[in-house]
Amino acid sequence: MKINYKKNLKFVTLLLSALLIATVSATVYNYLYIQSTIGVEGNPIKFTTGVDYTSAKGSALGISSDNQTVTFNGMKGVNGTLTAYPDPLRIKNTNATGNYTVQVRVDGTWTSNSHIKYINITIINYSNNATLGCISLVPSGGNTTAFAGSGITMDHGVVWRVQWDIFWLSTATSSDTTTVKLRVDASR
């Protein structure tokens, strides 16, 4: 058997060159790892009932079991006059130490009705009756929000009441309705 050393030498040289090129151009990967155990923290900003809760709640479910959602369908206004619900709902910071920045806003759009003059939703400090902010819903002017800019600081243990003032025009009938969806944003 005749061995062609010249051919084998070229093959070995080519193989070593390929191996060298592959080694030099290989990408180096460094790995970092993160492991985290994530738990659940309850939201310390909660809804609680006010004095006018039952009449405002109507037949709706009212406040959810986790105190994070509330539904009212019992609020009605008399046509041609202002109807007030001074204390149907309260917002409370149940956190023992933490302060939160709270913003109340219209969530999406509200279903305006041409027979309503306005709806005012006013946030009032329960302990001293200081007005903290107001959202005015006016059909002709759209949503006019006068709530404090980026929010109001809510100290721990503080309670606010949410007052609703509803003014239907004298042309409103018992078949007129409007729907308002609000969102309460709380951040630390």
N, C-alpha and C. Protein backbone atom coordinates (compact mmCIF):
# COMPACT_ATOMS: atom_id res chain seq x y z
N MET A 1 0.84 -1.15 0.00
CA MET A 1 0.00 0.00 0.00
C MET A 1 0.89 1.22 0.00
N LYS A 2 0.56 2.10 -0.93
CA LYS A 2 1.36 3.29 -1.13
C LYS A 2 0.66 4.47 -0.46
N ILE A 3 1.34 5.18 0.41
CA ILE A 3 0.77 6.31 1.12
C ILE A 3 1.28 7.58 0.45
N ASN A 4 0.35 8.43 0.14
CA ASN A 4 0.70 9.71 -0.49
C ASN A 4 0.86 10.72 0.64
N TYR A 5 2.14 10.89 1.08
CA TYR A 5 2.42 11.77 2.19
C TYR A 5 2.12 13.22 1.88
N LYS A 6 2.35 13.60 0.66
CA LYS A 6 2.13 14.98 0.26
C LYS A 6 0.64 15.33 0.36
N LYS A 7 -0.20 14.42 -0.12
CA LYS A 7 -1.65 14.66 -0.08
C LYS A 7 -2.14 14.66 1.38
N ASN A 8 -1.65 13.73 2.17
CA ASN A 8 -2.07 13.65 3.57
C ASN A 8 -1.59 14.88 4.35
N LEU A 9 -0.39 15.35 4.03
CA LEU A 9 0.13 16.54 4.70
C LEU A 9 -0.74 17.76 4.39
N LYS A 10 -1.16 17.88 3.13
CA LYS A 10 -2.06 18.99 2.77
C LYS A 10 -3.40 18.87 3.52
N PHE A 11 -3.90 17.64 3.62
CA PHE A 11 -5.17 17.41 4.31
C PHE A 11 -5.06 17.76 5.79
N VAL A 12 -3.99 17.34 6.44
CA VAL A 12 -3.78 17.64 7.86
C VAL A 12 -3.61 19.13 8.06
N THR A 13 -2.88 19.80 7.15
CA THR A 13 -2.70 21.25 7.24
C THR A 13 -4.03 21.95 7.10
N LEU A 14 -4.82 21.51 6.14
CA LEU A 14 -6.16 22.10 5.96
C LEU A 14 -7.03 21.87 7.18
N LEU A 15 -6.99 20.69 7.74
CA LEU A 15 -7.77 20.37 8.93
C LEU A 15 -7.34 21.22 10.12
N LEU A 16 -6.03 21.38 10.33
CA LEU A 16 -5.54 22.21 11.43
C LEU A 16 -5.90 23.68 11.22
N SER A 17 -5.84 24.16 9.97
CA SER A 17 -6.21 25.55 9.67
C SER A 17 -7.69 25.77 9.98
N ALA A 18 -8.54 24.83 9.58
CA ALA A 18 -9.98 24.94 9.84
C ALA A 18 -10.25 24.95 11.34
N LEU A 19 -9.56 24.09 12.07
CA LEU A 19 -9.73 24.03 13.52
C LEU A 19 -9.27 25.32 14.17
N LEU A 20 -8.14 25.87 13.70
CA LEU A 20 -7.63 27.13 14.24
C LEU A 20 -8.61 28.27 13.96
N ILE A 21 -9.12 28.34 12.73
CA ILE A 21 -10.10 29.39 12.37
C ILE A 21 -11.36 29.26 13.21
N ALA A 22 -11.86 28.06 13.38
CA ALA A 22 -13.06 27.83 14.18
C ALA A 22 -12.84 28.22 15.63
N THR A 23 -11.67 27.95 16.15
CA THR A 23 -11.37 28.28 17.54
C THR A 23 -11.25 29.79 17.72
N VAL A 24 -10.57 30.47 16.81
CA VAL A 24 -10.37 31.91 16.92
C VAL A 24 -11.68 32.66 16.74
N SER A 25 -12.53 32.23 15.83
CA SER A 25 -13.76 32.97 15.55
C SER A 25 -14.94 32.52 16.40
N ALA A 26 -14.77 31.61 17.29
CA ALA A 26 -15.88 31.13 18.12
C ALA A 26 -16.35 32.24 19.06
N THR A 27 -17.66 32.38 19.20
CA THR A 27 -18.24 33.36 20.11
C THR A 27 -18.17 32.82 21.53
N VAL A 28 -17.80 33.69 22.43
CA VAL A 28 -17.71 33.31 23.83
C VAL A 28 -18.99 33.78 24.52
N TYR A 29 -19.65 32.88 25.19
CA TYR A 29 -20.87 33.22 25.91
C TYR A 29 -20.60 33.19 27.39
N ASN A 30 -21.02 34.26 28.05
CA ASN A 30 -20.98 34.31 29.51
C ASN A 30 -22.42 34.34 29.98
N TYR A 31 -22.74 33.58 30.98
CA TYR A 31 -24.11 33.50 31.45
C TYR A 31 -24.24 34.11 32.83
N LEU A 32 -25.34 34.84 33.02
CA LEU A 32 -25.71 35.36 34.33
C LEU A 32 -27.08 34.78 34.65
N TYR A 33 -27.34 34.53 35.88
CA TYR A 33 -28.62 33.94 36.27
C TYR A 33 -29.28 34.80 37.34
N ILE A 34 -30.59 34.91 37.26
CA ILE A 34 -31.37 35.62 38.27
C ILE A 34 -32.44 34.65 38.76
N GLN A 35 -32.58 34.57 40.04
CA GLN A 35 -33.65 33.77 40.61
C GLN A 35 -34.39 34.65 41.60
N SER A 36 -35.69 34.61 41.55
CA SER A 36 -36.47 35.46 42.44
C SER A 36 -37.71 34.71 42.91
N THR A 37 -38.01 34.84 44.17
CA THR A 37 -39.26 34.32 44.71
C THR A 37 -40.20 35.50 44.82
N ILE A 38 -41.35 35.40 44.17
CA ILE A 38 -42.29 36.52 44.10
C ILE A 38 -43.55 36.15 44.86
N GLY A 39 -43.90 36.99 45.81
CA GLY A 39 -45.10 36.77 46.61
C GLY A 39 -46.20 37.74 46.22
N VAL A 40 -47.24 37.74 46.98
CA VAL A 40 -48.40 38.59 46.73
C VAL A 40 -48.56 39.55 47.91
N GLU A 41 -48.72 40.82 47.57
CA GLU A 41 -48.99 41.83 48.59
C GLU A 41 -50.38 42.38 48.32
N GLY A 42 -51.21 42.44 49.31
CA GLY A 42 -52.54 43.00 49.14
C GLY A 42 -52.47 44.51 48.94
N ASN A 43 -53.41 45.04 48.21
CA ASN A 43 -53.46 46.49 48.00
C ASN A 43 -54.00 47.14 49.27
N PRO A 44 -53.22 48.01 49.91
CA PRO A 44 -53.67 48.63 51.15
C PRO A 44 -54.68 49.76 50.95
N ILE A 45 -54.86 50.22 49.70
CA ILE A 45 -55.88 51.23 49.43
C ILE A 45 -57.19 50.48 49.17
N LYS A 46 -58.16 50.70 50.02
CA LYS A 46 -59.40 49.91 49.96
C LYS A 46 -60.63 50.82 49.99
N PHE A 47 -61.71 50.31 49.40
CA PHE A 47 -63.00 50.96 49.50
C PHE A 47 -63.71 50.48 50.75
N THR A 48 -64.40 51.39 51.43
CA THR A 48 -65.25 51.03 52.55
C THR A 48 -66.57 51.77 52.38
N THR A 49 -67.57 51.33 53.11
CA THR A 49 -68.90 51.92 52.96
C THR A 49 -68.99 53.27 53.67
N GLY A 50 -69.81 54.13 53.11
CA GLY A 50 -70.12 55.41 53.73
C GLY A 50 -71.57 55.39 54.22
N VAL A 51 -72.03 56.50 54.75
CA VAL A 51 -73.39 56.61 55.29
C VAL A 51 -74.45 56.38 54.21
N ASP A 52 -74.19 56.87 52.98
CA ASP A 52 -75.16 56.76 51.89
C ASP A 52 -74.93 55.54 51.00
N TYR A 53 -74.16 54.58 51.48
CA TYR A 53 -73.79 53.42 50.67
C TYR A 53 -75.01 52.62 50.20
N THR A 54 -75.91 52.31 51.08
CA THR A 54 -77.05 51.44 50.74
C THR A 54 -77.92 52.06 49.66
N SER A 55 -78.22 53.34 49.76
CA SER A 55 -79.06 53.97 48.74
C SER A 55 -78.32 54.09 47.40
N ALA A 56 -77.02 54.32 47.42
CA ALA A 56 -76.24 54.43 46.18
C ALA A 56 -76.03 53.06 45.55
N LYS A 57 -75.88 52.04 46.38
CA LYS A 57 -75.62 50.69 45.90
C LYS A 57 -76.81 50.15 45.12
N GLY A 58 -78.00 50.40 45.59
CA GLY A 58 -79.19 49.87 44.92
C GLY A 58 -79.15 48.35 44.91
N SER A 59 -79.46 47.75 43.76
CA SER A 59 -79.47 46.29 43.66
C SER A 59 -78.14 45.74 43.18
N ALA A 60 -77.15 46.59 42.99
CA ALA A 60 -75.83 46.14 42.52
C ALA A 60 -75.13 45.35 43.62
N LEU A 61 -74.05 44.69 43.25
CA LEU A 61 -73.29 43.91 44.23
C LEU A 61 -72.56 44.79 45.23
N GLY A 62 -72.34 46.03 44.90
CA GLY A 62 -71.67 46.95 45.81
C GLY A 62 -70.17 46.74 45.84
N ILE A 63 -69.57 46.72 47.03
CA ILE A 63 -68.13 46.57 47.18
C ILE A 63 -67.75 45.10 47.09
N SER A 64 -66.72 44.81 46.29
CA SER A 64 -66.26 43.42 46.13
C SER A 64 -65.65 42.92 47.43
N SER A 65 -65.50 41.60 47.54
CA SER A 65 -64.97 41.00 48.77
C SER A 65 -63.54 41.43 49.08
N ASP A 66 -62.77 41.81 48.05
CA ASP A 66 -61.40 42.28 48.29
C ASP A 66 -61.32 43.80 48.46
N ASN A 67 -62.47 44.46 48.46
CA ASN A 67 -62.57 45.92 48.67
C ASN A 67 -61.83 46.72 47.61
N GLN A 68 -61.73 46.20 46.38
CA GLN A 68 -61.00 46.85 45.30
C GLN A 68 -61.91 47.36 44.19
N THR A 69 -63.15 46.92 44.16
CA THR A 69 -64.10 47.31 43.12
C THR A 69 -65.43 47.64 43.77
N VAL A 70 -66.10 48.64 43.24
CA VAL A 70 -67.43 48.96 43.75
C VAL A 70 -68.34 49.26 42.57
N THR A 71 -69.59 48.81 42.69
CA THR A 71 -70.59 49.05 41.65
C THR A 71 -71.83 49.67 42.31
N PHE A 72 -72.26 50.78 41.75
CA PHE A 72 -73.49 51.43 42.20
C PHE A 72 -74.49 51.43 41.05
N ASN A 73 -75.74 51.12 41.33
CA ASN A 73 -76.80 51.34 40.34
C ASN A 73 -78.03 51.98 40.97
N GLY A 74 -77.89 52.42 42.23
CA GLY A 74 -79.02 53.02 42.92
C GLY A 74 -79.00 54.54 42.94
N MET A 75 -77.94 55.16 42.41
CA MET A 75 -77.88 56.62 42.41
C MET A 75 -78.84 57.17 41.36
N LYS A 76 -79.72 58.02 41.79
CA LYS A 76 -80.68 58.67 40.90
C LYS A 76 -80.73 60.15 41.27
N GLY A 77 -81.07 60.95 40.30
CA GLY A 77 -81.21 62.38 40.55
C GLY A 77 -82.61 62.83 40.15
N VAL A 78 -83.10 63.84 40.83
CA VAL A 78 -84.41 64.40 40.52
C VAL A 78 -84.22 65.40 39.38
N ASN A 79 -85.10 65.34 38.36
CA ASN A 79 -84.94 66.27 37.23
C ASN A 79 -85.15 67.70 37.68
N GLY A 80 -84.30 68.59 37.15
CA GLY A 80 -84.42 70.01 37.44
C GLY A 80 -83.81 70.46 38.74
N THR A 81 -83.12 69.57 39.45
CA THR A 81 -82.53 69.96 40.73
C THR A 81 -81.28 69.13 41.02
N LEU A 82 -80.50 69.61 41.95
CA LEU A 82 -79.28 68.91 42.35
C LEU A 82 -79.62 67.82 43.36
N THR A 83 -79.06 66.62 43.13
CA THR A 83 -79.19 65.52 44.09
C THR A 83 -77.79 65.16 44.54
N ALA A 84 -77.58 65.13 45.84
CA ALA A 84 -76.25 64.86 46.39
C ALA A 84 -76.23 63.53 47.15
N TYR A 85 -75.16 62.80 46.97
CA TYR A 85 -74.82 61.63 47.76
C TYR A 85 -73.51 61.97 48.46
N PRO A 86 -73.59 62.59 49.67
CA PRO A 86 -72.39 63.11 50.32
C PRO A 86 -71.40 62.04 50.79
N ASP A 87 -71.87 60.82 51.07
CA ASP A 87 -70.95 59.83 51.65
C ASP A 87 -71.34 58.39 51.28
N PRO A 88 -71.38 58.08 49.97
CA PRO A 88 -71.71 56.70 49.61
C PRO A 88 -70.52 55.75 49.70
N LEU A 89 -69.31 56.31 49.62
CA LEU A 89 -68.13 55.48 49.51
C LEU A 89 -66.95 56.18 50.16
N ARG A 90 -66.09 55.38 50.77
CA ARG A 90 -64.87 55.92 51.34
C ARG A 90 -63.67 55.16 50.79
N ILE A 91 -62.54 55.85 50.75
CA ILE A 91 -61.28 55.25 50.34
C ILE A 91 -60.36 55.34 51.54
N LYS A 92 -59.75 54.20 51.89
CA LYS A 92 -58.92 54.18 53.10
C LYS A 92 -57.56 53.58 52.80
N ASN A 93 -56.51 54.18 53.37
CA ASN A 93 -55.16 53.64 53.30
C ASN A 93 -54.95 52.79 54.55
N THR A 94 -54.99 51.47 54.39
CA THR A 94 -54.87 50.56 55.53
C THR A 94 -53.43 50.18 55.83
N ASN A 95 -52.48 50.69 55.07
CA ASN A 95 -51.07 50.39 55.31
C ASN A 95 -50.65 51.02 56.63
N ALA A 96 -49.94 50.28 57.44
CA ALA A 96 -49.56 50.78 58.77
C ALA A 96 -48.55 51.91 58.72
N THR A 97 -47.71 51.96 57.67
CA THR A 97 -46.68 52.98 57.64
C THR A 97 -46.56 53.72 56.32
N GLY A 98 -47.03 53.16 55.22
CA GLY A 98 -46.75 53.73 53.91
C GLY A 98 -47.72 54.79 53.44
N ASN A 99 -47.17 55.81 52.80
CA ASN A 99 -47.97 56.84 52.15
C ASN A 99 -48.10 56.50 50.68
N TYR A 100 -49.19 56.90 50.06
CA TYR A 100 -49.43 56.62 48.65
C TYR A 100 -49.82 57.92 47.94
N THR A 101 -49.49 57.99 46.67
CA THR A 101 -49.98 59.07 45.83
C THR A 101 -51.20 58.52 45.10
N VAL A 102 -52.32 59.19 45.28
CA VAL A 102 -53.58 58.70 44.75
C VAL A 102 -54.11 59.67 43.71
N GLN A 103 -54.55 59.13 42.59
CA GLN A 103 -55.14 59.90 41.49
C GLN A 103 -56.48 59.25 41.14
N VAL A 104 -57.52 60.04 41.06
CA VAL A 104 -58.83 59.54 40.65
C VAL A 104 -59.08 60.10 39.25
N ARG A 105 -59.46 59.22 38.32
CA ARG A 105 -59.67 59.66 36.94
C ARG A 105 -60.81 58.89 36.30
N VAL A 106 -61.33 59.47 35.22
CA VAL A 106 -62.35 58.78 34.44
C VAL A 106 -61.63 57.67 33.68
N ASP A 107 -62.15 56.46 33.77
CA ASP A 107 -61.56 55.30 33.10
C ASP A 107 -62.22 55.14 31.74
N GLY A 108 -61.58 55.65 30.71
CA GLY A 108 -62.18 55.62 29.37
C GLY A 108 -63.10 56.81 29.21
N THR A 109 -64.28 56.57 28.73
CA THR A 109 -65.25 57.64 28.54
C THR A 109 -66.49 57.35 29.37
N TRP A 110 -67.23 58.37 29.62
CA TRP A 110 -68.50 58.16 30.31
C TRP A 110 -69.61 58.34 29.28
N THR A 111 -70.70 57.64 29.48
CA THR A 111 -71.80 57.74 28.53
C THR A 111 -72.60 58.99 28.87
N SER A 112 -72.31 60.02 28.15
CA SER A 112 -72.96 61.31 28.37
C SER A 112 -74.43 61.22 27.97
N ASN A 113 -75.22 62.09 28.52
CA ASN A 113 -76.65 62.15 28.21
C ASN A 113 -76.99 63.64 28.06
N SER A 114 -77.70 63.99 27.00
CA SER A 114 -78.00 65.40 26.73
C SER A 114 -78.93 66.02 27.78
N HIS A 115 -79.53 65.20 28.62
CA HIS A 115 -80.44 65.73 29.65
C HIS A 115 -79.76 65.93 31.01
N ILE A 116 -78.47 65.66 31.06
CA ILE A 116 -77.79 65.87 32.34
C ILE A 116 -76.99 67.17 32.26
N LYS A 117 -77.08 67.96 33.31
CA LYS A 117 -76.33 69.22 33.35
C LYS A 117 -74.88 68.95 33.75
N TYR A 118 -74.66 68.19 34.83
CA TYR A 118 -73.32 67.82 35.25
C TYR A 118 -73.38 66.74 36.33
N ILE A 119 -72.23 66.10 36.50
CA ILE A 119 -71.98 65.21 37.64
C ILE A 119 -70.63 65.63 38.21
N ASN A 120 -70.60 65.89 39.49
CA ASN A 120 -69.34 66.20 40.18
C ASN A 120 -69.03 65.07 41.14
N ILE A 121 -67.81 64.56 41.06
CA ILE A 121 -67.34 63.56 42.01
C ILE A 121 -66.21 64.23 42.79
N THR A 122 -66.44 64.44 44.08
CA THR A 122 -65.50 65.21 44.90
C THR A 122 -64.88 64.30 45.95
N ILE A 123 -63.55 64.38 46.09
CA ILE A 123 -62.83 63.61 47.10
C ILE A 123 -62.58 64.55 48.28
N ILE A 124 -63.04 64.12 49.46
CA ILE A 124 -62.99 64.96 50.66
C ILE A 124 -62.33 64.19 51.78
N ASN A 125 -61.41 64.85 52.50
CA ASN A 125 -60.78 64.22 53.66
C ASN A 125 -61.86 64.03 54.73
N TYR A 126 -62.05 62.80 55.16
CA TYR A 126 -63.14 62.48 56.09
C TYR A 126 -62.94 63.14 57.45
N SER A 127 -61.71 63.28 57.90
CA SER A 127 -61.48 63.79 59.26
C SER A 127 -61.67 65.29 59.38
N ASN A 128 -61.38 66.07 58.32
CA ASN A 128 -61.49 67.52 58.45
C ASN A 128 -62.36 68.18 57.37
N ASN A 129 -63.01 67.37 56.53
CA ASN A 129 -63.89 67.86 55.46
C ASN A 129 -63.19 68.77 54.45
N ALA A 130 -61.88 68.66 54.33
CA ALA A 130 -61.15 69.45 53.33
C ALA A 130 -61.33 68.80 51.96
N THR A 131 -61.70 69.61 50.97
CA THR A 131 -61.83 69.12 49.60
C THR A 131 -60.44 68.91 49.02
N LEU A 132 -60.20 67.71 48.51
CA LEU A 132 -58.88 67.35 47.97
C LEU A 132 -58.86 67.43 46.45
N GLY A 133 -59.99 67.24 45.83
CA GLY A 133 -60.05 67.28 44.37
C GLY A 133 -61.45 66.96 43.89
N CYS A 134 -61.71 67.29 42.63
CA CYS A 134 -63.04 67.09 42.07
C CYS A 134 -62.92 66.75 40.59
N ILE A 135 -63.77 65.84 40.14
CA ILE A 135 -63.90 65.55 38.71
C ILE A 135 -65.29 66.04 38.32
N SER A 136 -65.35 66.94 37.35
CA SER A 136 -66.63 67.47 36.86
C SER A 136 -66.90 66.88 35.48
N LEU A 137 -68.02 66.21 35.35
CA LEU A 137 -68.44 65.64 34.07
C LEU A 137 -69.56 66.50 33.52
N VAL A 138 -69.30 67.15 32.39
CA VAL A 138 -70.25 68.08 31.78
C VAL A 138 -70.44 67.64 30.33
N PRO A 139 -71.66 67.29 29.91
CA PRO A 139 -71.86 66.79 28.54
C PRO A 139 -71.35 67.73 27.46
N SER A 140 -71.65 69.00 27.57
CA SER A 140 -71.26 69.92 26.50
C SER A 140 -69.76 70.18 26.47
N GLY A 141 -69.10 70.08 27.62
CA GLY A 141 -67.68 70.37 27.70
C GLY A 141 -66.82 69.14 27.82
N GLY A 142 -67.44 67.96 27.82
CA GLY A 142 -66.66 66.73 27.96
C GLY A 142 -66.22 66.54 29.39
N ASN A 143 -65.13 65.84 29.57
CA ASN A 143 -64.62 65.56 30.91
C ASN A 143 -63.74 66.72 31.35
N THR A 144 -64.14 67.40 32.38
CA THR A 144 -63.33 68.47 32.93
C THR A 144 -62.80 67.97 34.26
N THR A 145 -61.52 67.65 34.29
CA THR A 145 -60.93 67.09 35.50
C THR A 145 -60.21 68.17 36.26
N ALA A 146 -60.64 68.41 37.49
CA ALA A 146 -59.99 69.38 38.34
C ALA A 146 -59.29 68.68 39.50
N PHE A 147 -59.11 67.37 39.37
CA PHE A 147 -58.41 66.63 40.43
C PHE A 147 -56.95 67.05 40.42
N ALA A 148 -56.33 67.08 41.55
CA ALA A 148 -54.97 67.60 41.68
C ALA A 148 -53.99 66.86 40.77
N GLY A 149 -53.52 67.53 39.77
CA GLY A 149 -52.50 67.09 38.82
C GLY A 149 -52.10 65.64 38.85
N SER A 150 -50.93 65.36 39.41
CA SER A 150 -50.41 64.00 39.39
C SER A 150 -50.87 63.19 40.59
N GLY A 151 -51.71 63.74 41.40
CA GLY A 151 -52.26 62.99 42.52
C GLY A 151 -52.07 63.68 43.85
N ILE A 152 -52.68 63.10 44.86
CA ILE A 152 -52.65 63.65 46.20
C ILE A 152 -52.05 62.60 47.13
N THR A 153 -51.21 63.02 48.04
CA THR A 153 -50.61 62.09 48.99
C THR A 153 -51.66 61.66 50.01
N MET A 154 -51.76 60.35 50.18
CA MET A 154 -52.68 59.78 51.17
C MET A 154 -51.82 59.11 52.24
N ASP A 155 -51.77 59.71 53.42
CA ASP A 155 -50.99 59.17 54.52
C ASP A 155 -51.61 57.87 55.03
N HIS A 156 -50.80 57.11 55.76
CA HIS A 156 -51.31 55.85 56.30
C HIS A 156 -52.44 56.11 57.29
N GLY A 157 -53.45 55.26 57.25
CA GLY A 157 -54.58 55.38 58.15
C GLY A 157 -55.61 56.43 57.78
N VAL A 158 -55.38 57.20 56.72
CA VAL A 158 -56.29 58.28 56.32
C VAL A 158 -57.51 57.70 55.59
N VAL A 159 -58.65 58.37 55.78
CA VAL A 159 -59.89 57.98 55.11
C VAL A 159 -60.41 59.19 54.33
N TRP A 160 -60.79 58.94 53.08
CA TRP A 160 -61.43 59.97 52.26
C TRP A 160 -62.84 59.52 51.96
N ARG A 161 -63.73 60.48 51.79
CA ARG A 161 -65.08 60.14 51.32
C ARG A 161 -65.24 60.65 49.89
N VAL A 162 -66.06 59.96 49.12
CA VAL A 162 -66.27 60.28 47.72
C VAL A 162 -67.71 60.77 47.57
N GLN A 163 -67.86 62.07 47.37
CA GLN A 163 -69.19 62.68 47.26
C GLN A 163 -69.60 62.77 45.79
N TRP A 164 -70.86 62.42 45.49
CA TRP A 164 -71.42 62.52 44.14
C TRP A 164 -72.52 63.57 44.14
N ASP A 165 -72.41 64.53 43.23
CA ASP A 165 -73.46 65.54 43.03
C ASP A 165 -73.97 65.38 41.60
N ILE A 166 -75.26 65.11 41.47
CA ILE A 166 -75.87 64.82 40.17
C ILE A 166 -76.93 65.87 39.88
N PHE A 167 -76.85 66.49 38.71
CA PHE A 167 -77.84 67.51 38.34
C PHE A 167 -78.41 67.18 36.96
N TRP A 168 -79.64 66.65 36.95
CA TRP A 168 -80.37 66.40 35.71
C TRP A 168 -81.13 67.66 35.33
N LEU A 169 -81.22 67.95 34.03
CA LEU A 169 -82.03 69.07 33.55
C LEU A 169 -83.52 68.75 33.76
N SER A 170 -84.36 69.77 33.72
CA SER A 170 -85.80 69.56 33.93
C SER A 170 -86.42 68.74 32.80
N THR A 171 -85.74 68.61 31.67
CA THR A 171 -86.25 67.82 30.54
C THR A 171 -85.97 66.33 30.68
N ALA A 172 -85.22 65.92 31.71
CA ALA A 172 -84.89 64.51 31.91
C ALA A 172 -86.12 63.72 32.33
N THR A 173 -86.17 62.48 31.88
CA THR A 173 -87.29 61.58 32.25
C THR A 173 -86.72 60.37 32.99
N SER A 174 -87.60 59.53 33.49
CA SER A 174 -87.16 58.37 34.26
C SER A 174 -86.42 57.34 33.39
N SER A 175 -86.49 57.45 32.08
CA SER A 175 -85.76 56.52 31.20
C SER A 175 -84.33 56.99 30.91
N ASP A 176 -83.98 58.21 31.31
CA ASP A 176 -82.62 58.72 31.08
C ASP A 176 -81.65 58.10 32.08
N THR A 177 -80.49 57.71 31.55
CA THR A 177 -79.41 57.18 32.40
C THR A 177 -78.07 57.67 31.85
N THR A 178 -77.08 57.54 32.67
CA THR A 178 -75.70 57.80 32.27
C THR A 178 -74.81 56.85 33.06
N THR A 179 -73.69 56.47 32.49
CA THR A 179 -72.77 55.54 33.16
C THR A 179 -71.41 56.21 33.31
N VAL A 180 -70.87 56.14 34.50
CA VAL A 180 -69.56 56.72 34.79
C VAL A 180 -68.66 55.61 35.32
N LYS A 181 -67.47 55.50 34.74
CA LYS A 181 -66.47 54.56 35.24
C LYS A 181 -65.26 55.36 35.69
N LEU A 182 -64.89 55.18 36.95
CA LEU A 182 -63.73 55.86 37.51
C LEU A 182 -62.66 54.85 37.86
N ARG A 183 -61.43 55.32 37.89
CA ARG A 183 -60.30 54.49 38.28
C ARG A 183 -59.52 55.23 39.35
N VAL A 184 -59.15 54.54 40.39
CA VAL A 184 -58.33 55.11 41.46
C VAL A 184 -56.93 54.49 41.32
N ASP A 185 -55.95 55.34 40.98
CA ASP A 185 -54.57 54.90 40.86
C ASP A 185 -53.84 55.22 42.16
N ALA A 186 -53.17 54.24 42.73
CA ALA A 186 -52.41 54.45 43.95
C ALA A 186 -50.98 53.95 43.75
N SER A 187 -50.01 54.80 44.01
CA SER A 187 -48.61 54.40 43.84
C SER A 187 -47.79 54.92 45.00
N ARG A 188 -46.65 54.27 45.25
CA ARG A 188 -45.75 54.74 46.31
C ARG A 188 -44.45 55.15 45.71
